[in-house]
PDB file of N, CA and C in Angstrom:
ATOM      1  N   MET A   1     -24.024   6.031   7.660  1.00  0.00           N
ATOM      2  CA  MET A   1     -23.373   5.404   6.516  1.00  0.00           C
ATOM      3  C   MET A   1     -21.885   5.737   6.544  1.00  0.00           C
ATOM      4  N   PRO A   2     -21.002   4.703   6.396  1.00  0.00           N
ATOM      5  CA  PRO A   2     -19.562   4.955   6.469  1.00  0.00           C
ATOM      6  C   PRO A   2     -19.073   5.804   5.313  1.00  0.00           C
ATOM      7  N   THR A   3     -18.109   6.674   5.595  1.00  0.00           N
ATOM      8  CA  THR A   3     -17.534   7.509   4.548  1.00  0.00           C
ATOM      9  C   THR A   3     -16.231   6.950   4.019  1.00  0.00           C
ATOM     10  N   GLU A   4     -15.689   5.899   4.662  1.00  0.00           N
ATOM     11  CA  GLU A   4     -14.455   5.287   4.193  1.00  0.00           C
ATOM     12  C   GLU A   4     -14.688   4.542   2.888  1.00  0.00           C
ATOM     13  N   LYS A   5     -13.628   4.481   2.081  1.00  0.00           N
ATOM     14  CA  LYS A   5     -13.712   3.690   0.859  1.00  0.00           C
ATOM     15  C   LYS A   5     -13.715   2.222   1.229  1.00  0.00           C
ATOM     16  N   PRO A   6     -14.400   1.395   0.467  1.00  0.00           N
ATOM     17  CA  PRO A   6     -14.431  -0.024   0.772  1.00  0.00           C
ATOM     18  C   PRO A   6     -13.042  -0.637   0.575  1.00  0.00           C
ATOM     19  N   ILE A   7     -12.828  -1.767   1.252  1.00  0.00           N
ATOM     20  CA  ILE A   7     -11.564  -2.471   1.102  1.00  0.00           C
ATOM     21  C   ILE A   7     -11.436  -3.014  -0.314  1.00  0.00           C
ATOM     22  N   TYR A   8     -12.521  -3.450  -0.888  1.00  0.00           N
ATOM     23  CA  TYR A   8     -12.500  -4.008  -2.222  1.00  0.00           C
ATOM     24  C   TYR A   8     -13.461  -3.255  -3.122  1.00  0.00           C
ATOM     25  N   SER A   9     -13.050  -3.081  -4.328  1.00  0.00           N
ATOM     26  CA  SER A   9     -13.898  -2.392  -5.307  1.00  0.00           C
ATOM     27  C   SER A   9     -13.850  -3.191  -6.598  1.00  0.00           C
ATOM     28  N   HIS A  10     -14.907  -3.211  -7.341  1.00  0.00           N
ATOM     29  CA  HIS A  10     -14.926  -3.937  -8.636  1.00  0.00           C
ATOM     30  C   HIS A  10     -13.865  -3.377  -9.573  1.00  0.00           C
ATOM     31  N   GLN A  11     -13.530  -2.112  -9.431  1.00  0.00           N
ATOM     32  CA  GLN A  11     -12.494  -1.500 -10.249  1.00  0.00           C
ATOM     33  C   GLN A  11     -11.150  -2.179 -10.014  1.00  0.00           C
ATOM     34  N   ASP A  12     -10.944  -2.789  -8.827  1.00  0.00           N
ATOM     35  CA  ASP A  12      -9.685  -3.446  -8.501  1.00  0.00           C
ATOM     36  C   ASP A  12      -9.406  -4.651  -9.380  1.00  0.00           C
ATOM     37  N   ASP A  13     -10.404  -5.157 -10.070  1.00  0.00           N
ATOM     38  CA  ASP A  13     -10.211  -6.289 -10.974  1.00  0.00           C
ATOM     39  C   ASP A  13      -9.449  -5.890 -12.238  1.00  0.00           C
ATOM     40  N   ASP A  14      -9.402  -4.615 -12.556  1.00  0.00           N
ATOM     41  CA  ASP A  14      -8.768  -4.137 -13.768  1.00  0.00           C
ATOM     42  C   ASP A  14      -7.245  -4.206 -13.631  1.00  0.00           C
ATOM     43  N   PRO A  15      -6.538  -5.025 -14.434  1.00  0.00           N
ATOM     44  CA  PRO A  15      -5.077  -5.151 -14.338  1.00  0.00           C
ATOM     45  C   PRO A  15      -4.332  -4.013 -14.998  1.00  0.00           C
ATOM     46  N   HIS A  16      -5.023  -3.074 -15.609  1.00  0.00           N
ATOM     47  CA  HIS A  16      -4.385  -1.986 -16.353  1.00  0.00           C
ATOM     48  C   HIS A  16      -4.507  -0.624 -15.668  1.00  0.00           C
ATOM     49  N   LEU A  17      -4.764  -0.626 -14.357  1.00  0.00           N
ATOM     50  CA  LEU A  17      -4.857   0.637 -13.620  1.00  0.00           C
ATOM     51  C   LEU A  17      -3.490   1.297 -13.535  1.00  0.00           C
ATOM     52  N   LYS A  18      -3.496   2.615 -13.502  1.00  0.00           N
ATOM     53  CA  LYS A  18      -2.254   3.370 -13.385  1.00  0.00           C
ATOM     54  C   LYS A  18      -2.445   4.544 -12.460  1.00  0.00           C
ATOM     55  N   ASP A  19      -1.376   5.113 -11.996  1.00  0.00           N
ATOM     56  CA  ASP A  19      -1.341   6.336 -11.215  1.00  0.00           C
ATOM     57  C   ASP A  19      -2.270   6.257  -9.990  1.00  0.00           C
ATOM     58  N   ASP A  20      -3.142   7.244  -9.788  1.00  0.00           N
ATOM     59  CA  ASP A  20      -3.945   7.306  -8.559  1.00  0.00           C
ATOM     60  C   ASP A  20      -4.822   6.091  -8.352  1.00  0.00           C
ATOM     61  N   ASP A  21      -5.379   5.533  -9.450  1.00  0.00           N
ATOM     62  CA  ASP A  21      -6.228   4.347  -9.319  1.00  0.00           C
ATOM     63  C   ASP A  21      -5.428   3.154  -8.820  1.00  0.00           C
ATOM     64  N   LEU A  22      -4.227   2.976  -9.342  1.00  0.00           N
ATOM     65  CA  LEU A  22      -3.371   1.862  -8.903  1.00  0.00           C
ATOM     66  C   LEU A  22      -2.910   2.093  -7.466  1.00  0.00           C
ATOM     67  N   ALA A  23      -2.562   3.313  -7.112  1.00  0.00           N
ATOM     68  CA  ALA A  23      -2.132   3.624  -5.746  1.00  0.00           C
ATOM     69  C   ALA A  23      -3.236   3.285  -4.745  1.00  0.00           C
ATOM     70  N   GLY A  24      -4.464   3.642  -5.073  1.00  0.00           N
ATOM     71  CA  GLY A  24      -5.589   3.306  -4.193  1.00  0.00           C
ATOM     72  C   GLY A  24      -5.796   1.813  -4.066  1.00  0.00           C
ATOM     73  N   LYS A  25      -5.643   1.107  -5.165  1.00  0.00           N
ATOM     74  CA  LYS A  25      -5.777  -0.346  -5.145  1.00  0.00           C
ATOM     75  C   LYS A  25      -4.727  -0.964  -4.249  1.00  0.00           C
ATOM     76  N   VAL A  26      -3.472  -0.491  -4.355  1.00  0.00           N
ATOM     77  CA  VAL A  26      -2.384  -1.031  -3.533  1.00  0.00           C
ATOM     78  C   VAL A  26      -2.640  -0.744  -2.048  1.00  0.00           C
ATOM     79  N   LEU A  27      -3.040   0.463  -1.727  1.00  0.00           N
ATOM     80  CA  LEU A  27      -3.308   0.792  -0.324  1.00  0.00           C
ATOM     81  C   LEU A  27      -4.438  -0.068   0.248  1.00  0.00           C
ATOM     82  N   ARG A  28      -5.488  -0.254  -0.511  1.00  0.00           N
ATOM     83  CA  ARG A  28      -6.585  -1.109  -0.048  1.00  0.00           C
ATOM     84  C   ARG A  28      -6.109  -2.536   0.151  1.00  0.00           C
ATOM     85  N   PHE A  29      -5.239  -3.033  -0.750  1.00  0.00           N
ATOM     86  CA  PHE A  29      -4.743  -4.404  -0.610  1.00  0.00           C
ATOM     87  C   PHE A  29      -3.835  -4.541   0.602  1.00  0.00           C
ATOM     88  N   ILE A  30      -2.982  -3.553   0.849  1.00  0.00           N
ATOM     89  CA  ILE A  30      -2.118  -3.606   2.038  1.00  0.00           C
ATOM     90  C   ILE A  30      -2.968  -3.674   3.300  1.00  0.00           C
ATOM     91  N   ARG A  31      -4.002  -2.849   3.379  1.00  0.00           N
ATOM     92  CA  ARG A  31      -4.907  -2.872   4.550  1.00  0.00           C
ATOM     93  C   ARG A  31      -5.568  -4.234   4.700  1.00  0.00           C
ATOM     94  N   TYR A  32      -6.047  -4.778   3.600  1.00  0.00           N
ATOM     95  CA  TYR A  32      -6.786  -6.037   3.609  1.00  0.00           C
ATOM     96  C   TYR A  32      -5.895  -7.231   3.897  1.00  0.00           C
ATOM     97  N   ALA A  33      -4.753  -7.316   3.227  1.00  0.00           N
ATOM     98  CA  ALA A  33      -3.925  -8.520   3.297  1.00  0.00           C
ATOM     99  C   ALA A  33      -2.990  -8.546   4.504  1.00  0.00           C
ATOM    100  N   THR A  34      -2.635  -7.390   5.041  1.00  0.00           N
ATOM    101  CA  THR A  34      -1.608  -7.392   6.087  1.00  0.00           C
ATOM    102  C   THR A  34      -2.115  -6.914   7.454  1.00  0.00           C
ATOM    103  N   PHE A  35      -3.215  -6.242   7.498  1.00  0.00           N
ATOM    104  CA  PHE A  35      -3.753  -5.644   8.721  1.00  0.00           C
ATOM    105  C   PHE A  35      -2.785  -4.638   9.349  1.00  0.00           C
ATOM    106  N   ILE A  36      -1.906  -4.046   8.508  1.00  0.00           N
ATOM    107  CA  ILE A  36      -0.986  -3.015   8.967  1.00  0.00           C
ATOM    108  C   ILE A  36      -1.753  -1.703   9.120  1.00  0.00           C
ATOM    109  N   ASP A  37      -1.424  -0.963  10.169  1.00  0.00           N
ATOM    110  CA  ASP A  37      -2.008   0.361  10.365  1.00  0.00           C
ATOM    111  C   ASP A  37      -1.413   1.287   9.293  1.00  0.00           C
ATOM    112  N   THR A  38      -2.219   1.707   8.351  1.00  0.00           N
ATOM    113  CA  THR A  38      -1.757   2.516   7.232  1.00  0.00           C
ATOM    114  C   THR A  38      -2.019   4.010   7.433  1.00  0.00           C
ATOM    115  N   THR A  39      -2.349   4.399   8.679  1.00  0.00           N
ATOM    116  CA  THR A  39      -2.679   5.787   8.967  1.00  0.00           C
ATOM    117  C   THR A  39      -1.569   6.741   8.549  1.00  0.00           C
ATOM    118  N   ASP A  40      -0.317   6.360   8.802  1.00  0.00           N
ATOM    119  CA  ASP A  40       0.817   7.242   8.493  1.00  0.00           C
ATOM    120  C   ASP A  40       1.561   6.779   7.247  1.00  0.00           C
ATOM    121  N   MET A  41       0.884   6.075   6.349  1.00  0.00           N
ATOM    122  CA  MET A  41       1.485   5.557   5.122  1.00  0.00           C
ATOM    123  C   MET A  41       0.889   6.272   3.910  1.00  0.00           C
ATOM    124  N   GLU A  42       1.734   6.566   2.952  1.00  0.00           N
ATOM    125  CA  GLU A  42       1.267   7.139   1.690  1.00  0.00           C
ATOM    126  C   GLU A  42       1.714   6.224   0.554  1.00  0.00           C
ATOM    127  N   VAL A  43       0.853   6.079  -0.427  1.00  0.00           N
ATOM    128  CA  VAL A  43       1.169   5.270  -1.605  1.00  0.00           C
ATOM    129  C   VAL A  43       1.022   6.158  -2.827  1.00  0.00           C
ATOM    130  N   PHE A  44       2.062   6.233  -3.601  1.00  0.00           N
ATOM    131  CA  PHE A  44       2.053   6.981  -4.844  1.00  0.00           C
ATOM    132  C   PHE A  44       2.313   6.021  -5.987  1.00  0.00           C
ATOM    133  N   ALA A  45       1.732   6.301  -7.138  1.00  0.00           N
ATOM    134  CA  ALA A  45       1.986   5.485  -8.309  1.00  0.00           C
ATOM    135  C   ALA A  45       2.428   6.383  -9.454  1.00  0.00           C
ATOM    136  N   LEU A  46       3.451   5.974 -10.108  1.00  0.00           N
ATOM    137  CA  LEU A  46       3.927   6.629 -11.333  1.00  0.00           C
ATOM    138  C   LEU A  46       3.810   5.597 -12.419  1.00  0.00           C
ATOM    139  N   GLY A  47       2.695   5.647 -13.150  1.00  0.00           N
ATOM    140  CA  GLY A  47       2.417   4.586 -14.091  1.00  0.00           C
ATOM    141  C   GLY A  47       2.144   3.311 -13.341  1.00  0.00           C
ATOM    142  N   GLU A  48       3.008   2.300 -13.503  1.00  0.00           N
ATOM    143  CA  GLU A  48       2.863   1.020 -12.826  1.00  0.00           C
ATOM    144  C   GLU A  48       3.866   0.846 -11.708  1.00  0.00           C
ATOM    145  N   MET A  49       4.643   1.898 -11.404  1.00  0.00           N
ATOM    146  CA  MET A  49       5.600   1.866 -10.318  1.00  0.00           C
ATOM    147  C   MET A  49       4.971   2.438  -9.066  1.00  0.00           C
ATOM    148  N   ILE A  50       5.160   1.754  -7.931  1.00  0.00           N
ATOM    149  CA  ILE A  50       4.594   2.174  -6.648  1.00  0.00           C
ATOM    150  C   ILE A  50       5.699   2.676  -5.742  1.00  0.00           C
ATOM    151  N   VAL A  51       5.422   3.780  -5.035  1.00  0.00           N
ATOM    152  CA  VAL A  51       6.316   4.304  -4.018  1.00  0.00           C
ATOM    153  C   VAL A  51       5.554   4.297  -2.686  1.00  0.00           C
ATOM    154  N   LEU A  52       6.097   3.570  -1.715  1.00  0.00           N
ATOM    155  CA  LEU A  52       5.521   3.561  -0.369  1.00  0.00           C
ATOM    156  C   LEU A  52       6.333   4.506   0.495  1.00  0.00           C
ATOM    157  N   SER A  53       5.683   5.376   1.239  1.00  0.00           N
ATOM    158  CA  SER A  53       6.409   6.264   2.144  1.00  0.00           C
ATOM    159  C   SER A  53       5.597   6.441   3.406  1.00  0.00           C
ATOM    160  N   GLY A  54       6.264   6.940   4.430  1.00  0.00           N
ATOM    161  CA  GLY A  54       5.599   7.144   5.713  1.00  0.00           C
ATOM    162  C   GLY A  54       6.183   6.253   6.776  1.00  0.00           C
ATOM    163  N   GLN A  55       5.403   6.043   7.833  1.00  0.00           N
ATOM    164  CA  GLN A  55       5.908   5.300   8.977  1.00  0.00           C
ATOM    165  C   GLN A  55       4.937   4.202   9.395  1.00  0.00           C
ATOM    166  N   VAL A  56       5.525   3.094   9.829  1.00  0.00           N
ATOM    167  CA  VAL A  56       4.770   1.959  10.338  1.00  0.00           C
ATOM    168  C   VAL A  56       5.335   1.558  11.703  1.00  0.00           C
ATOM    169  N   SER A  57       4.715   0.602  12.350  1.00  0.00           N
ATOM    170  CA  SER A  57       5.055   0.265  13.735  1.00  0.00           C
ATOM    171  C   SER A  57       6.390  -0.484  13.915  1.00  0.00           C
ATOM    172  N   ASN A  58       6.769  -1.319  12.943  1.00  0.00           N
ATOM    173  CA  ASN A  58       7.993  -2.112  13.120  1.00  0.00           C
ATOM    174  C   ASN A  58       8.581  -2.529  11.776  1.00  0.00           C
ATOM    175  N   GLU A  59       9.783  -3.091  11.829  1.00  0.00           N
ATOM    176  CA  GLU A  59      10.502  -3.485  10.621  1.00  0.00           C
ATOM    177  C   GLU A  59       9.746  -4.546   9.827  1.00  0.00           C
ATOM    178  N   SER A  60       9.074  -5.456  10.513  1.00  0.00           N
ATOM    179  CA  SER A  60       8.360  -6.493   9.792  1.00  0.00           C
ATOM    180  C   SER A  60       7.202  -5.894   8.980  1.00  0.00           C
ATOM    181  N   ASP A  61       6.595  -4.808   9.469  1.00  0.00           N
ATOM    182  CA  ASP A  61       5.538  -4.116   8.709  1.00  0.00           C
ATOM    183  C   ASP A  61       6.107  -3.470   7.451  1.00  0.00           C
ATOM    184  N   VAL A  62       7.336  -2.947   7.538  1.00  0.00           N
ATOM    185  CA  VAL A  62       7.973  -2.356   6.362  1.00  0.00           C
ATOM    186  C   VAL A  62       8.086  -3.415   5.262  1.00  0.00           C
ATOM    187  N   ALA A  63       8.642  -4.572   5.617  1.00  0.00           N
ATOM    188  CA  ALA A  63       8.832  -5.649   4.633  1.00  0.00           C
ATOM    189  C   ALA A  63       7.505  -6.200   4.146  1.00  0.00           C
ATOM    190  N   CYS A  64       6.562  -6.381   5.055  1.00  0.00           N
ATOM    191  CA  CYS A  64       5.262  -6.953   4.704  1.00  0.00           C
ATOM    192  C   CYS A  64       4.491  -6.051   3.750  1.00  0.00           C
ATOM    193  N   ALA A  65       4.507  -4.754   3.991  1.00  0.00           N
ATOM    194  CA  ALA A  65       3.834  -3.805   3.113  1.00  0.00           C
ATOM    195  C   ALA A  65       4.458  -3.805   1.730  1.00  0.00           C
ATOM    196  N   GLY A  66       5.779  -3.863   1.662  1.00  0.00           N
ATOM    197  CA  GLY A  66       6.475  -3.914   0.380  1.00  0.00           C
ATOM    198  C   GLY A  66       6.115  -5.175  -0.395  1.00  0.00           C
ATOM    199  N   ASP A  67       6.097  -6.309   0.302  1.00  0.00           N
ATOM    200  CA  ASP A  67       5.764  -7.578  -0.350  1.00  0.00           C
ATOM    201  C   ASP A  67       4.317  -7.570  -0.852  1.00  0.00           C
ATOM    202  N   ALA A  68       3.421  -7.013  -0.038  1.00  0.00           N
ATOM    203  CA  ALA A  68       2.002  -6.932  -0.445  1.00  0.00           C
ATOM    204  C   ALA A  68       1.853  -6.065  -1.688  1.00  0.00           C
ATOM    205  N   ALA A  69       2.531  -4.922  -1.696  1.00  0.00           N
ATOM    206  CA  ALA A  69       2.454  -4.014  -2.854  1.00  0.00           C
ATOM    207  C   ALA A  69       2.957  -4.706  -4.123  1.00  0.00           C
ATOM    208  N   LYS A  70       4.049  -5.454  -3.999  1.00  0.00           N
ATOM    209  CA  LYS A  70       4.633  -6.173  -5.154  1.00  0.00           C
ATOM    210  C   LYS A  70       3.684  -7.215  -5.732  1.00  0.00           C
ATOM    211  N   SER A  71       2.823  -7.746  -4.871  1.00  0.00           N
ATOM    212  CA  SER A  71       1.949  -8.830  -5.318  1.00  0.00           C
ATOM    213  C   SER A  71       0.684  -8.351  -6.021  1.00  0.00           C
ATOM    214  N   VAL A  72       0.443  -7.050  -6.050  1.00  0.00           N
ATOM    215  CA  VAL A  72      -0.759  -6.506  -6.679  1.00  0.00           C
ATOM    216  C   VAL A  72      -0.634  -6.560  -8.204  1.00  0.00           C
ATOM    217  N   ILE A  73      -1.623  -7.094  -8.845  1.00  0.00           N
ATOM    218  CA  ILE A  73      -1.616  -7.179 -10.301  1.00  0.00           C
ATOM    219  C   ILE A  73      -1.601  -5.767 -10.877  1.00  0.00           C
ATOM    220  N   GLY A  74      -0.681  -5.532 -11.796  1.00  0.00           N
ATOM    221  CA  GLY A  74      -0.554  -4.213 -12.401  1.00  0.00           C
ATOM    222  C   GLY A  74       0.656  -3.448 -11.902  1.00  0.00           C
ATOM    223  N   VAL A  75       1.239  -3.893 -10.782  1.00  0.00           N
ATOM    224  CA  VAL A  75       2.433  -3.252 -10.224  1.00  0.00           C
ATOM    225  C   VAL A  75       3.665  -3.906 -10.833  1.00  0.00           C
ATOM    226  N   THR A  76       4.570  -3.090 -11.371  1.00  0.00           N
ATOM    227  CA  THR A  76       5.796  -3.640 -11.943  1.00  0.00           C
ATOM    228  C   THR A  76       6.999  -3.428 -11.046  1.00  0.00           C
ATOM    229  N   THR A  77       7.001  -2.343 -10.273  1.00  0.00           N
ATOM    230  CA  THR A  77       8.127  -2.005  -9.403  1.00  0.00           C
ATOM    231  C   THR A  77       7.617  -1.363  -8.134  1.00  0.00           C
ATOM    232  N   VAL A  78       8.297  -1.649  -7.008  1.00  0.00           N
ATOM    233  CA  VAL A  78       7.956  -1.011  -5.741  1.00  0.00           C
ATOM    234  C   VAL A  78       9.205  -0.390  -5.143  1.00  0.00           C
ATOM    235  N   GLU A  79       9.129   0.879  -4.813  1.00  0.00           N
ATOM    236  CA  GLU A  79      10.186   1.549  -4.068  1.00  0.00           C
ATOM    237  C   GLU A  79       9.658   1.755  -2.662  1.00  0.00           C
ATOM    238  N   ASN A  80      10.244   1.017  -1.719  1.00  0.00           N
ATOM    239  CA  ASN A  80       9.750   1.033  -0.351  1.00  0.00           C
ATOM    240  C   ASN A  80      10.572   2.009   0.490  1.00  0.00           C
ATOM    241  N   ARG A  81       9.981   3.145   0.793  1.00  0.00           N
ATOM    242  CA  ARG A  81      10.622   4.194   1.604  1.00  0.00           C
ATOM    243  C   ARG A  81      10.035   4.265   3.009  1.00  0.00           C
ATOM    244  N   LEU A  82       9.314   3.216   3.421  1.00  0.00           N
ATOM    245  CA  LEU A  82       8.718   3.185   4.734  1.00  0.00           C
ATOM    246  C   LEU A  82       9.788   3.125   5.812  1.00  0.00           C
ATOM    247  N   THR A  83       9.522   3.781   6.942  1.00  0.00           N
ATOM    248  CA  THR A  83      10.407   3.742   8.099  1.00  0.00           C
ATOM    249  C   THR A  83       9.607   3.350   9.324  1.00  0.00           C
ATOM    250  N   VAL A  84      10.330   2.954  10.374  1.00  0.00           N
ATOM    251  CA  VAL A  84       9.677   2.620  11.640  1.00  0.00           C
ATOM    252  C   VAL A  84       9.469   3.889  12.433  1.00  0.00           C
ATOM    253  N   LYS A  85       8.276   4.014  13.050  1.00  0.00           N
ATOM    254  CA  LYS A  85       7.963   5.178  13.880  1.00  0.00           C
ATOM    255  C   LYS A  85       8.978   5.291  15.016  1.00  0.00           C
ATOM    256  N   PRO A  86       9.431   6.501  15.300  1.00  0.00           N
ATOM    257  CA  PRO A  86      10.362   6.686  16.418  1.00  0.00           C
ATOM    258  C   PRO A  86       9.792   6.130  17.715  1.00  0.00           C
ATOM    259  N   GLY A  87      10.649   5.481  18.472  1.00  0.00           N
ATOM    260  CA  GLY A  87      10.200   4.923  19.760  1.00  0.00           C
ATOM    261  C   GLY A  87       9.546   3.558  19.656  1.00  0.00           C
ATOM    262  N   GLN A  88       9.363   3.055  18.431  1.00  0.00           N
ATOM    263  CA  GLN A  88       8.764   1.740  18.257  1.00  0.00           C
ATOM    264  C   GLN A  88       9.853   0.672  18.237  1.00  0.00           C
ATOM    265  N   HIS A  89       9.507  -0.530  18.615  1.00  0.00           N
ATOM    266  CA  HIS A  89      10.468  -1.635  18.626  1.00  0.00           C
ATOM    267  C   HIS A  89      10.468  -2.318  17.272  1.00  0.00           C
ATOM    268  N   SER A  90      11.618  -2.826  16.901  1.00  0.00           N
ATOM    269  CA  SER A  90      11.782  -3.517  15.585  1.00  0.00           C
ATOM    270  C   SER A  90      11.104  -4.852  15.601  1.00  0.00           C
TER     271      SER A  90
END
């Protein structure tokens, strides 16, 4: 039996999630909608504000993850601190 959290959860339907619940929802949505490798990505939520940090493979992943996070219901602001992994191409 898999130990990973599912990509979608019925709790994700709630537009009033905050903090850790909202951060989890955003991370699941980024994985689902963008197929970005989120292994080195962290998502924090302060109320309805999301902070993305960590590293991704290229510049387009930085922008795509930020756009995906902004589109999640319940998110009001996104601070995108993602960077490209050293040695990766833009």
